[in-house]
């Protein structure tokens, strides 16, 4: 935690390569793998953008950050070897929870999966929620989106069915 998080506003973005092991025999992503992609994105965001790694959270501080709510809309299939554009935005910050919007888009820019994740900060020693640390709360604000922009992000690139 010696470094200060780089100033950033807006969504945290990453590219995600769809690997052979992510796919089922039909050659498309097996849906639980998307949840692993979500979790990897959250972990990368904490380490790279918030400058508060899971190693620091879990090992050093004895805290936890479990997912307490998870939902996803699977809009279109994703195939082996495609590269997805992933974005993560903060929708809401509570006392001990943070609500995230995650969007995975295909190489064509069309939505593949839209997700909502709620994480809660806990003290692992007593398995109780704790307030989000002030040093993290301040950094979360850079990724918060307004209700209006969250709606636009959630519907941008929406596939017609």
C-alpha atoms as a PDB file:
ATOM      1  CA  UNK A   1       0.000   0.000   0.000  1.00  0.00           C
ATOM      2  CA  UNK A   2       2.992   2.330  -0.333  1.00  0.00           C
ATOM      3  CA  UNK A   3       1.979   3.546  -3.779  1.00  0.00           C
ATOM      4  CA  UNK A   4      -0.867   5.937  -4.405  1.00  0.00           C
ATOM      5  CA  UNK A   5      -3.485   4.770  -6.888  1.00  0.00           C
ATOM      6  CA  UNK A   6      -3.129   6.412 -10.260  1.00  0.00           C
ATOM      7  CA  UNK A   7      -5.882   8.913 -10.919  1.00  0.00           C
ATOM      8  CA  UNK A   8      -8.488   7.330 -13.102  1.00  0.00           C
ATOM      9  CA  UNK A   9     -12.116   7.992 -13.702  1.00  0.00           C
ATOM     10  CA  UNK A  10     -14.634   5.871 -15.483  1.00  0.00           C
ATOM     11  CA  UNK A  11     -14.663   2.116 -15.894  1.00  0.00           C
ATOM     12  CA  UNK A  12     -11.685  -0.144 -15.242  1.00  0.00           C
ATOM     13  CA  UNK A  13     -10.965  -1.933 -18.527  1.00  0.00           C
ATOM     14  CA  UNK A  14      -9.133  -5.125 -19.460  1.00  0.00           C
ATOM     15  CA  UNK A  15      -8.900  -7.484 -22.407  1.00  0.00           C
ATOM     16  CA  UNK A  16      -9.823 -11.118 -21.697  1.00  0.00           C
ATOM     17  CA  UNK A  17      -8.623 -13.921 -23.958  1.00  0.00           C
ATOM     18  CA  UNK A  18     -11.092 -16.796 -24.184  1.00  0.00           C
ATOM     19  CA  UNK A  19      -9.020 -19.921 -23.684  1.00  0.00           C
ATOM     20  CA  UNK A  20      -9.661 -23.494 -24.753  1.00  0.00           C
ATOM     21  CA  UNK A  21     -10.369 -24.457 -21.126  1.00  0.00           C
ATOM     22  CA  UNK A  22     -13.118 -21.814 -20.914  1.00  0.00           C
ATOM     23  CA  UNK A  23     -15.194 -23.572 -23.547  1.00  0.00           C
ATOM     24  CA  UNK A  24     -17.523 -26.542 -23.689  1.00  0.00           C
ATOM     25  CA  UNK A  25     -17.532 -29.181 -26.465  1.00  0.00           C
ATOM     26  CA  UNK A  26     -19.626 -26.833 -28.632  1.00  0.00           C
ATOM     27  CA  UNK A  27     -16.694 -24.401 -28.664  1.00  0.00           C
ATOM     28  CA  UNK A  28     -18.454 -21.630 -26.746  1.00  0.00           C
ATOM     29  CA  UNK A  29     -17.761 -20.323 -23.251  1.00  0.00           C
ATOM     30  CA  UNK A  30     -19.266 -22.567 -20.574  1.00  0.00           C
ATOM     31  CA  UNK A  31     -21.312 -20.048 -18.581  1.00  0.00           C
ATOM     32  CA  UNK A  32     -19.659 -20.568 -15.133  1.00  0.00           C
ATOM     33  CA  UNK A  33     -16.369 -19.472 -16.701  1.00  0.00           C
ATOM     34  CA  UNK A  34     -17.810 -15.977 -17.106  1.00  0.00           C
ATOM     35  CA  UNK A  35     -18.053 -15.777 -13.311  1.00  0.00           C
ATOM     36  CA  UNK A  36     -14.354 -16.634 -13.083  1.00  0.00           C
ATOM     37  CA  UNK A  37     -13.687 -13.847 -15.594  1.00  0.00           C
ATOM     38  CA  UNK A  38     -15.721 -11.485 -13.371  1.00  0.00           C
ATOM     39  CA  UNK A  39     -13.702 -12.501 -10.317  1.00  0.00           C
ATOM     40  CA  UNK A  40     -10.375 -12.126 -12.133  1.00  0.00           C
ATOM     41  CA  UNK A  41     -11.443  -8.662 -13.293  1.00  0.00           C
ATOM     42  CA  UNK A  42     -12.336  -7.668  -9.715  1.00  0.00           C
ATOM     43  CA  UNK A  43      -9.003  -8.968  -8.430  1.00  0.00           C
ATOM     44  CA  UNK A  44      -7.039  -7.139 -11.160  1.00  0.00           C
ATOM     45  CA  UNK A  45      -8.983  -3.940 -10.431  1.00  0.00           C
ATOM     46  CA  UNK A  46      -8.114  -4.113  -6.754  1.00  0.00           C
ATOM     47  CA  UNK A  47      -4.431  -4.762  -7.424  1.00  0.00           C
ATOM     48  CA  UNK A  48      -3.839  -2.417 -10.374  1.00  0.00           C
ATOM     49  CA  UNK A  49      -6.291   0.444 -10.023  1.00  0.00           C
ATOM     50  CA  UNK A  50      -7.142   0.546  -6.325  1.00  0.00           C
ATOM     51  CA  UNK A  51      -3.588  -0.396  -5.293  1.00  0.00           C
ATOM     52  CA  UNK A  52      -5.054  -2.719  -2.668  1.00  0.00           C
ATOM     53  CA  UNK A  53      -4.323  -6.299  -3.701  1.00  0.00           C
ATOM     54  CA  UNK A  54      -6.116  -9.398  -2.520  1.00  0.00           C
ATOM     55  CA  UNK A  55      -2.806 -10.436  -0.949  1.00  0.00           C
ATOM     56  CA  UNK A  56      -2.949  -7.289   1.187  1.00  0.00           C
ATOM     57  CA  UNK A  57      -6.657  -7.754   1.919  1.00  0.00           C
ATOM     58  CA  UNK A  58      -6.626 -11.460   2.774  1.00  0.00           C
ATOM     59  CA  UNK A  59      -3.115 -12.316   3.948  1.00  0.00           C
ATOM     60  CA  UNK A  60      -1.863  -9.132   5.566  1.00  0.00           C
ATOM     61  CA  UNK A  61      -5.084  -7.650   6.950  1.00  0.00           C
ATOM     62  CA  UNK A  62      -7.096 -10.873   7.539  1.00  0.00           C
ATOM     63  CA  UNK A  63     -10.070  -9.386   5.762  1.00  0.00           C
ATOM     64  CA  UNK A  64     -12.206 -10.916   3.090  1.00  0.00           C
ATOM     65  CA  UNK A  65     -14.197  -9.629   0.146  1.00  0.00           C
ATOM     66  CA  UNK A  66     -16.831 -12.264  -0.604  1.00  0.00           C
ATOM     67  CA  UNK A  67     -19.377 -11.976  -3.366  1.00  0.00           C
ATOM     68  CA  UNK A  68     -22.813 -11.824  -1.733  1.00  0.00           C
ATOM     69  CA  UNK A  69     -24.901 -11.194  -4.842  1.00  0.00           C
ATOM     70  CA  UNK A  70     -24.265 -12.081  -8.459  1.00  0.00           C
ATOM     71  CA  UNK A  71     -26.435 -11.865 -11.532  1.00  0.00           C
ATOM     72  CA  UNK A  72     -25.728 -12.082 -15.224  1.00  0.00           C
ATOM     73  CA  UNK A  73     -27.465 -11.709 -18.548  1.00  0.00           C
ATOM     74  CA  UNK A  74     -25.922 -13.945 -21.187  1.00  0.00           C
ATOM     75  CA  UNK A  75     -26.620 -11.962 -24.336  1.00  0.00           C
ATOM     76  CA  UNK A  76     -24.661 -13.796 -27.016  1.00  0.00           C
ATOM     77  CA  UNK A  77     -22.207 -16.714 -27.166  1.00  0.00           C
ATOM     78  CA  UNK A  78     -18.457 -16.257 -27.071  1.00  0.00           C
ATOM     79  CA  UNK A  79     -16.123 -18.580 -28.925  1.00  0.00           C
ATOM     80  CA  UNK A  80     -12.691 -20.023 -28.247  1.00  0.00           C
ATOM     81  CA  UNK A  81      -9.807 -17.594 -28.991  1.00  0.00           C
ATOM     82  CA  UNK A  82     -11.943 -14.451 -29.070  1.00  0.00           C
ATOM     83  CA  UNK A  83     -10.737 -11.473 -27.064  1.00  0.00           C
ATOM     84  CA  UNK A  84     -13.395  -9.843 -24.921  1.00  0.00           C
ATOM     85  CA  UNK A  85     -13.329  -6.239 -23.775  1.00  0.00           C
ATOM     86  CA  UNK A  86     -14.185  -6.193 -20.072  1.00  0.00           C
ATOM     87  CA  UNK A  87     -15.237  -3.133 -18.110  1.00  0.00           C
ATOM     88  CA  UNK A  88     -16.022  -2.710 -14.425  1.00  0.00           C
ATOM     89  CA  UNK A  89     -17.823   0.275 -12.881  1.00  0.00           C
ATOM     90  CA  UNK A  90     -18.923   1.042  -9.340  1.00  0.00           C
ATOM     91  CA  UNK A  91     -22.689   1.445  -9.150  1.00  0.00           C
ATOM     92  CA  UNK A  92     -23.052   1.999  -5.408  1.00  0.00           C
ATOM     93  CA  UNK A  93     -20.872   2.221  -2.313  1.00  0.00           C
ATOM     94  CA  UNK A  94     -22.430   1.233   1.005  1.00  0.00           C
ATOM     95  CA  UNK A  95     -21.021   1.077   4.508  1.00  0.00           C
ATOM     96  CA  UNK A  96     -19.405  -2.318   3.977  1.00  0.00           C
ATOM     97  CA  UNK A  97     -20.489  -3.235   0.449  1.00  0.00           C
ATOM     98  CA  UNK A  98     -19.738  -2.166  -3.080  1.00  0.00           C
ATOM     99  CA  UNK A  99     -22.037  -2.862  -6.042  1.00  0.00           C
ATOM    100  CA  UNK A 100     -20.381  -3.320  -9.417  1.00  0.00           C
ATOM    101  CA  UNK A 101     -21.503  -3.438 -13.031  1.00  0.00           C
ATOM    102  CA  UNK A 102     -19.450  -5.659 -15.309  1.00  0.00           C
ATOM    103  CA  UNK A 103     -19.747  -5.730 -19.072  1.00  0.00           C
ATOM    104  CA  UNK A 104     -18.053  -8.192 -21.430  1.00  0.00           C
ATOM    105  CA  UNK A 105     -18.158  -7.295 -25.118  1.00  0.00           C
ATOM    106  CA  UNK A 106     -17.024  -9.238 -28.153  1.00  0.00           C
ATOM    107  CA  UNK A 107     -14.519  -8.146 -30.784  1.00  0.00           C
ATOM    108  CA  UNK A 108     -17.446  -6.618 -32.704  1.00  0.00           C
ATOM    109  CA  UNK A 109     -18.356  -4.415 -29.718  1.00  0.00           C
ATOM    110  CA  UNK A 110     -21.620  -6.248 -29.090  1.00  0.00           C
ATOM    111  CA  UNK A 111     -22.490  -7.217 -25.529  1.00  0.00           C
ATOM    112  CA  UNK A 112     -21.849 -10.830 -24.631  1.00  0.00           C
ATOM    113  CA  UNK A 113     -22.477 -10.785 -20.861  1.00  0.00           C
ATOM    114  CA  UNK A 114     -23.777  -8.077 -18.542  1.00  0.00           C
ATOM    115  CA  UNK A 115     -23.310  -8.660 -14.823  1.00  0.00           C
ATOM    116  CA  UNK A 116     -23.990  -7.158 -11.432  1.00  0.00           C
ATOM    117  CA  UNK A 117     -21.829  -8.092  -8.462  1.00  0.00           C
ATOM    118  CA  UNK A 118     -22.076  -7.070  -4.800  1.00  0.00           C
ATOM    119  CA  UNK A 119     -18.995  -7.525  -2.612  1.00  0.00           C
ATOM    120  CA  UNK A 120     -18.877  -7.123   1.173  1.00  0.00           C
ATOM    121  CA  UNK A 121     -15.801  -6.333   3.264  1.00  0.00           C
ATOM    122  CA  UNK A 122     -15.461  -8.719   6.196  1.00  0.00           C
ATOM    123  CA  UNK A 123     -13.130  -9.449   9.086  1.00  0.00           C
ATOM    124  CA  UNK A 124     -12.280 -13.106   8.394  1.00  0.00           C
ATOM    125  CA  UNK A 125     -11.325 -13.769  12.030  1.00  0.00           C
ATOM    126  CA  UNK A 126     -14.922 -13.232  13.197  1.00  0.00           C
ATOM    127  CA  UNK A 127     -16.747 -13.570   9.854  1.00  0.00           C
ATOM    128  CA  UNK A 128     -18.469 -10.212  10.295  1.00  0.00           C
ATOM    129  CA  UNK A 129     -18.858  -7.334   7.891  1.00  0.00           C
ATOM    130  CA  UNK A 130     -16.684  -4.285   8.481  1.00  0.00           C
ATOM    131  CA  UNK A 131     -16.822  -0.765   7.040  1.00  0.00           C
ATOM    132  CA  UNK A 132     -14.939  -0.338   3.785  1.00  0.00           C
ATOM    133  CA  UNK A 133     -11.520   1.041   4.791  1.00  0.00           C
ATOM    134  CA  UNK A 134     -11.303   4.809   4.220  1.00  0.00           C
ATOM    135  CA  UNK A 135      -8.165   4.369   2.102  1.00  0.00           C
ATOM    136  CA  UNK A 136     -10.132   2.119  -0.269  1.00  0.00           C
ATOM    137  CA  UNK A 137     -13.412   4.061  -0.179  1.00  0.00           C
ATOM    138  CA  UNK A 138     -11.703   7.175  -1.558  1.00  0.00           C
ATOM    139  CA  UNK A 139     -10.271   5.157  -4.461  1.00  0.00           C
ATOM    140  CA  UNK A 140     -13.610   3.502  -5.248  1.00  0.00           C
ATOM    141  CA  UNK A 141     -15.157   6.879  -5.981  1.00  0.00           C
ATOM    142  CA  UNK A 142     -13.053   7.280  -9.145  1.00  0.00           C
ATOM    143  CA  UNK A 143     -14.900   4.314 -10.670  1.00  0.00           C
ATOM    144  CA  UNK A 144     -18.404   5.297  -9.605  1.00  0.00           C
ATOM    145  CA  UNK A 145     -20.866   5.973 -12.381  1.00  0.00           C
ATOM    146  CA  UNK A 146     -24.014   8.014 -12.135  1.00  0.00           C
ATOM    147  CA  UNK A 147     -27.364   6.264 -12.444  1.00  0.00           C
ATOM    148  CA  UNK A 148     -27.795   7.794 -15.905  1.00  0.00           C
ATOM    149  CA  UNK A 149     -24.394   6.634 -17.217  1.00  0.00           C
ATOM    150  CA  UNK A 150     -24.880   3.194 -15.626  1.00  0.00           C
ATOM    151  CA  UNK A 151     -28.089   2.807 -17.619  1.00  0.00           C
ATOM    152  CA  UNK A 152     -26.335   3.882 -20.811  1.00  0.00           C
ATOM    153  CA  UNK A 153     -23.440   1.468 -20.147  1.00  0.00           C
ATOM    154  CA  UNK A 154     -25.832  -1.387 -19.392  1.00  0.00           C
ATOM    155  CA  UNK A 155     -27.722  -0.903 -22.662  1.00  0.00           C
ATOM    156  CA  UNK A 156     -24.874   0.195 -24.954  1.00  0.00           C
ATOM    157  CA  UNK A 157     -24.232  -2.375 -27.629  1.00  0.00           C
ATOM    158  CA  UNK A 158     -27.332  -4.289 -26.595  1.00  0.00           C
ATOM    159  CA  UNK A 159     -28.071  -7.018 -29.089  1.00  0.00           C
ATOM    160  CA  UNK A 160     -31.466  -7.064 -30.746  1.00  0.00           C
ATOM    161  CA  UNK A 161     -33.371 -10.299 -30.363  1.00  0.00           C
END
